[in-house]
Amino acid sequence: TRYFFSQAISVCQGKLFFIGGTYDSDTSGCPAERYDPSINTWSPLESFKQRVKFCTVVTFQTLLYVIGGMEQTENKRLSTVQGYNPDTNLWQEVSCLCTPRSSVCAVATGSHLYAIGGRSDAATVNIVERFDPKEKAWCLVAPILECRSDACGVAVNEKLFVFGGLMREEYPHSSLCEMYDPVTDLWSSITNTITPRVHVSVSAVSFKGHIFVCGNFVEDSSLQIFMYDVVTNQWKFCTMFPQSGRDHFQISCLRISREVLNRCNTLS
């Protein structure tokens, strides 16, 4: 059995990748799985051998990147970064992070990949590193305003937006939403914000210039999705998740055929 809150997901070349997590035993489960919406089927990603938890997975320039995390058995935090090419089914080592971290917020723009915050062996950090694919190296950029791990983030028009997360291991959630402008190398707080409270449920995607954030926005409430308009700085309620016996969800953009959708059960 894989525990959902310690795994990571991302869409790459039309397929959904589900990587990492903790298991009931060191030998059970598969380190990675892949969902193909064209045939509505999950299959093991057997080329991924590492057993890792609290890693981060993000798609950048047609490749899938697995960033940091913790070793499954030794609980050692990692600085490793691996890149996966779905066309060749091959993995390659990428330049390591400057600081070993788990629960990083990773965001990709059209030109760079960012590793934001996370948890080191000592504490939650505000470190931000940027990967340049031309130089094939990470460099430090301006730190986020608030130390946090398990945050979610997206990119819109080359700017980064970070929401939620944990400030310390005692699980106080962050109420600060931040935006990063790479031109000025500055982070700024976003006013008029609503913030998801439960760190294991926070998830965000950008779609057609808008940001959709899934989380527990009110204490003891059901999971909801709100849309944030980056131009008007306004939030709009979208929907509430039906009660399904689960309180942890992650959202992702994936094109699924109408034929497959018509065969799915309707929850509400």
Protein backbone atom coordinates (compact mmCIF):
# COMPACT_ATOMS: atom_id res chain seq x y z
CA THR A 1 0.00 0.00 0.00
CA ARG A 2 1.31 3.42 -0.95
CA TYR A 3 0.52 6.37 1.33
CA PHE A 4 -0.75 9.15 -0.86
CA PHE A 5 0.60 12.18 1.02
CA SER A 6 4.28 11.26 0.47
CA GLN A 7 4.11 10.71 -3.31
CA ALA A 8 4.24 13.14 -6.23
CA ILE A 9 2.46 13.41 -9.57
CA SER A 10 2.98 15.21 -12.86
CA VAL A 11 1.75 15.03 -16.44
CA CYS A 12 4.35 14.52 -19.15
CA GLN A 13 3.62 14.01 -22.86
CA GLY A 14 -0.02 13.20 -22.27
CA LYS A 15 0.47 10.65 -19.48
CA LEU A 16 0.15 10.96 -15.70
CA PHE A 17 3.16 9.85 -13.63
CA PHE A 18 2.80 8.83 -9.98
CA ILE A 19 6.17 8.51 -8.23
CA GLY A 20 7.39 7.77 -4.71
CA GLY A 21 5.55 7.32 -1.45
CA THR A 22 5.86 5.17 1.64
CA TYR A 23 4.97 1.51 1.71
CA ASP A 24 3.84 -1.13 4.18
CA SER A 25 7.15 -2.93 3.64
CA ASP A 26 10.44 -2.24 1.93
CA THR A 27 9.63 -4.66 -0.88
CA SER A 28 5.94 -4.06 -1.55
CA GLY A 29 4.53 -1.72 -4.12
CA CYS A 30 5.99 -0.18 -7.23
CA PRO A 31 8.28 2.90 -7.01
CA ALA A 32 6.49 4.54 -9.93
CA GLU A 33 3.37 4.13 -12.04
CA ARG A 34 2.10 5.68 -15.25
CA TYR A 35 -1.48 6.34 -16.35
CA ASP A 36 -2.34 6.33 -20.05
CA PRO A 37 -5.69 8.12 -20.59
CA SER A 38 -6.05 6.80 -24.14
CA ILE A 39 -6.54 3.27 -22.81
CA ASN A 40 -7.61 4.20 -19.25
CA THR A 41 -4.91 1.98 -17.73
CA TRP A 42 -2.23 2.22 -15.02
CA SER A 43 1.07 0.37 -15.50
CA PRO A 44 4.35 0.12 -13.54
CA LEU A 45 7.14 2.42 -14.63
CA GLU A 46 9.72 -0.31 -14.24
CA SER A 47 12.66 1.81 -15.37
CA PHE A 48 12.43 3.87 -12.15
CA LYS A 49 14.29 1.85 -9.50
CA GLN A 50 14.75 4.25 -6.59
CA ARG A 51 12.49 3.93 -3.55
CA VAL A 52 11.95 7.48 -2.43
CA LYS A 53 9.33 9.48 -0.54
CA PHE A 54 8.55 13.18 -0.26
CA CYS A 55 10.20 13.82 -3.62
CA THR A 56 8.87 16.34 -6.13
CA VAL A 57 7.96 15.58 -9.73
CA VAL A 58 7.64 18.23 -12.42
CA THR A 59 7.61 18.38 -16.22
CA PHE A 60 10.09 20.73 -17.89
CA GLN A 61 10.72 20.99 -21.63
CA THR A 62 9.15 17.59 -22.44
CA LEU A 63 11.13 15.73 -19.75
CA LEU A 64 9.98 14.51 -16.33
CA TYR A 65 12.17 15.55 -13.39
CA VAL A 66 12.27 13.87 -9.96
CA ILE A 67 13.76 16.28 -7.42
CA GLY A 68 15.11 15.60 -3.94
CA GLY A 69 13.06 13.68 -1.38
CA MET A 70 14.06 11.08 1.21
CA GLU A 71 15.37 7.56 0.88
CA GLN A 72 12.70 5.03 1.75
CA THR A 73 14.65 3.05 4.35
CA GLU A 74 17.33 5.37 5.75
CA ASN A 75 15.23 8.58 5.77
CA LYS A 76 18.21 10.42 4.31
CA ARG A 77 17.34 13.63 2.48
CA LEU A 78 18.50 13.78 -1.11
CA SER A 79 19.93 16.43 -3.39
CA THR A 80 19.66 14.24 -6.47
CA VAL A 81 17.73 15.22 -9.59
CA GLN A 82 16.78 12.71 -12.27
CA GLY A 83 15.40 13.41 -15.72
CA TYR A 84 13.16 10.97 -17.61
CA ASN A 85 12.50 10.86 -21.34
CA PRO A 86 9.17 9.09 -22.04
CA ASP A 87 10.12 8.58 -25.69
CA THR A 88 13.19 6.49 -24.86
CA ASN A 89 12.13 5.25 -21.39
CA LEU A 90 15.58 6.28 -20.16
CA TRP A 91 16.63 8.13 -17.00
CA GLN A 92 19.63 10.39 -16.66
CA GLU A 93 21.33 12.07 -13.72
CA VAL A 94 20.94 15.86 -13.67
CA SER A 95 23.06 18.32 -11.68
CA CYS A 96 22.27 17.99 -7.97
CA LEU A 97 20.61 20.64 -5.85
CA CYS A 98 22.92 22.80 -3.77
CA THR A 99 21.10 21.66 -0.60
CA PRO A 100 19.53 18.23 0.09
CA ARG A 101 15.81 18.78 0.58
CA SER A 102 12.49 16.98 0.72
CA SER A 103 8.94 18.29 0.12
CA VAL A 104 10.20 20.90 -2.34
CA CYS A 105 7.85 23.04 -4.41
CA ALA A 106 9.01 22.69 -8.03
CA VAL A 107 7.77 25.03 -10.76
CA ALA A 108 8.74 25.07 -14.44
CA THR A 109 8.52 28.06 -16.73
CA GLY A 110 9.28 27.96 -20.43
CA SER A 111 12.98 28.63 -19.85
CA HIS A 112 13.88 27.53 -16.31
CA LEU A 113 13.07 25.05 -13.57
CA TYR A 114 12.79 26.21 -9.94
CA ALA A 115 13.14 24.27 -6.66
CA ILE A 116 11.47 26.31 -3.93
CA GLY A 117 11.67 25.84 -0.17
CA GLY A 118 11.36 22.39 1.32
CA ARG A 119 12.77 20.72 4.40
CA SER A 120 16.46 20.14 5.07
CA ASP A 121 17.84 17.93 7.85
CA ALA A 122 17.92 20.98 10.13
CA ALA A 123 14.70 22.88 9.41
CA THR A 124 12.22 24.17 6.87
CA VAL A 125 14.04 26.45 4.45
CA ASN A 126 13.40 29.42 2.16
CA ILE A 127 16.05 28.44 -0.39
CA VAL A 128 15.21 28.85 -4.08
CA GLU A 129 17.37 27.30 -6.80
CA ARG A 130 16.99 27.73 -10.55
CA PHE A 131 18.06 25.21 -13.17
CA ASP A 132 19.36 26.48 -16.48
CA PRO A 133 19.09 23.76 -19.16
CA LYS A 134 21.76 25.43 -21.30
CA GLU A 135 24.31 25.56 -18.48
CA LYS A 136 22.98 22.29 -17.03
CA ALA A 137 23.43 23.69 -13.54
CA TRP A 138 21.50 25.04 -10.55
CA CYS A 139 22.11 28.48 -9.09
CA LEU A 140 20.66 30.30 -6.10
CA VAL A 141 18.16 33.10 -6.69
CA ALA A 142 16.25 35.29 -4.24
CA PRO A 143 14.77 33.25 -1.33
CA ILE A 144 11.04 33.14 -0.72
CA LEU A 145 9.71 35.48 1.95
CA GLU A 146 8.65 32.69 4.29
CA CYS A 147 10.33 29.35 5.03
CA ARG A 148 7.95 26.59 3.98
CA SER A 149 7.72 23.01 2.75
CA ASP A 150 4.93 21.09 0.98
CA ALA A 151 3.80 24.25 -0.80
CA CYS A 152 2.27 24.22 -4.27
CA GLY A 153 3.25 26.52 -7.10
CA VAL A 154 2.63 27.30 -10.75
CA ALA A 155 3.97 29.59 -13.45
CA VAL A 156 1.96 32.11 -15.46
CA ASN A 157 3.64 34.38 -17.99
CA GLU A 158 7.10 33.39 -16.68
CA LYS A 159 6.19 34.52 -13.14
CA LEU A 160 5.98 32.07 -10.23
CA PHE A 161 3.09 31.82 -7.77
CA VAL A 162 3.42 29.84 -4.51
CA PHE A 163 0.57 28.91 -2.17
CA GLY A 164 0.21 27.19 1.21
CA GLY A 165 2.68 24.82 2.79
CA LEU A 166 4.14 24.24 6.23
CA MET A 167 6.34 26.65 8.14
CA ARG A 168 7.60 24.10 10.71
CA GLU A 169 7.33 20.39 11.41
CA GLU A 170 4.58 21.08 13.96
CA TYR A 171 2.33 21.73 10.92
CA PRO A 172 1.26 25.36 11.20
CA HIS A 173 0.18 26.24 7.67
CA SER A 174 1.49 29.23 5.81
CA SER A 175 -1.05 31.96 5.09
CA LEU A 176 1.27 33.83 2.74
CA CYS A 177 0.91 33.62 -1.04
CA GLU A 178 3.94 34.82 -2.98
CA MET A 179 4.84 35.83 -6.52
CA TYR A 180 8.33 35.81 -8.04
CA ASP A 181 9.41 38.01 -10.94
CA PRO A 182 12.59 36.62 -12.56
CA VAL A 183 13.30 39.96 -14.25
CA THR A 184 13.78 41.74 -10.91
CA ASP A 185 14.71 38.61 -8.92
CA LEU A 186 12.22 39.63 -6.24
CA TRP A 187 9.44 37.88 -4.33
CA SER A 188 6.34 39.81 -3.26
CA SER A 189 3.31 38.86 -1.21
CA ILE A 190 -0.05 38.60 -2.96
CA THR A 191 -2.81 40.62 -1.36
CA ASN A 192 -6.49 39.63 -1.35
CA THR A 193 -5.64 35.97 -0.88
CA ILE A 194 -7.36 32.93 0.49
CA THR A 195 -5.07 30.14 1.56
CA PRO A 196 -5.59 26.38 1.75
CA ARG A 197 -4.96 25.19 5.31
CA VAL A 198 -4.19 21.50 5.12
CA HIS A 199 -0.72 20.91 3.70
CA VAL A 200 -1.21 17.38 2.41
CA SER A 201 -4.14 18.48 0.27
CA VAL A 202 -2.71 21.60 -1.33
CA SER A 203 -2.38 21.38 -5.09
CA ALA A 204 -2.38 23.91 -7.92
CA VAL A 205 -2.34 24.03 -11.71
CA SER A 206 -2.28 26.80 -14.28
CA PHE A 207 -4.77 26.55 -17.13
CA LYS A 208 -5.40 29.13 -19.84
CA GLY A 209 -3.83 31.94 -17.84
CA HIS A 210 -5.68 31.19 -14.61
CA ILE A 211 -4.56 29.35 -11.48
CA PHE A 212 -6.70 26.64 -9.90
CA VAL A 213 -5.90 25.81 -6.27
CA CYS A 214 -7.29 22.77 -4.48
CA GLY A 215 -7.26 22.68 -0.69
CA ASN A 216 -8.99 22.91 2.64
CA PHE A 217 -9.66 26.65 2.66
CA VAL A 218 -11.77 26.84 5.82
CA GLU A 219 -11.07 25.00 9.06
CA ASP A 220 -12.85 21.62 9.18
CA SER A 221 -14.33 22.11 5.71
CA SER A 222 -14.40 19.84 2.68
CA LEU A 223 -11.84 20.21 -0.06
CA GLN A 224 -12.60 22.98 -2.51
CA ILE A 225 -11.19 24.39 -5.74
CA PHE A 226 -10.79 28.13 -6.19
CA MET A 227 -9.65 29.96 -9.31
CA TYR A 228 -7.21 32.86 -9.05
CA ASP A 229 -7.12 35.49 -11.80
CA VAL A 230 -3.57 36.87 -11.94
CA VAL A 231 -4.67 39.95 -13.88
CA THR A 232 -7.50 41.12 -11.62
CA ASN A 233 -6.09 39.62 -8.40
CA GLN A 234 -9.48 38.05 -7.70
CA TRP A 235 -10.48 34.62 -6.39
CA LYS A 236 -13.55 32.71 -7.53
CA PHE A 237 -15.05 29.59 -5.99
CA CYS A 238 -15.27 26.74 -8.52
CA THR A 239 -16.43 23.56 -6.84
CA MET A 240 -16.35 21.40 -3.74
CA PHE A 241 -15.19 17.79 -3.78
CA PRO A 242 -17.91 15.25 -3.09
CA GLN A 243 -17.54 13.26 0.12
CA SER A 244 -15.80 10.10 -1.01
CA GLY A 245 -14.08 8.89 2.16
CA ARG A 246 -10.81 10.58 1.12
CA ASP A 247 -9.50 13.94 2.24
CA HIS A 248 -6.32 14.13 0.15
CA PHE A 249 -6.44 15.04 -3.53
CA GLN A 250 -4.05 16.43 -6.09
CA ILE A 251 -5.16 18.09 -9.29
CA SER A 252 -3.45 18.01 -12.67
CA CYS A 253 -4.29 18.94 -16.25
CA LEU A 254 -4.65 15.89 -18.49
CA ARG A 255 -6.47 15.49 -21.79
CA ILE A 256 -8.84 12.52 -21.55
CA SER A 257 -11.02 11.33 -24.42
CA ARG A 258 -14.78 11.64 -24.13
CA GLU A 259 -15.07 7.90 -24.65
CA VAL A 260 -13.04 7.24 -21.49
CA LEU A 261 -14.90 9.91 -19.51
CA ASN A 262 -18.27 8.41 -20.46
CA ARG A 263 -17.22 5.13 -18.88
CA CYS A 264 -16.29 6.77 -15.55
CA ASN A 265 -18.63 6.79 -12.57
CA THR A 266 -20.17 10.13 -11.61
CA LEU A 267 -19.53 11.12 -7.98
CA SER A 268 -21.97 14.02 -7.84
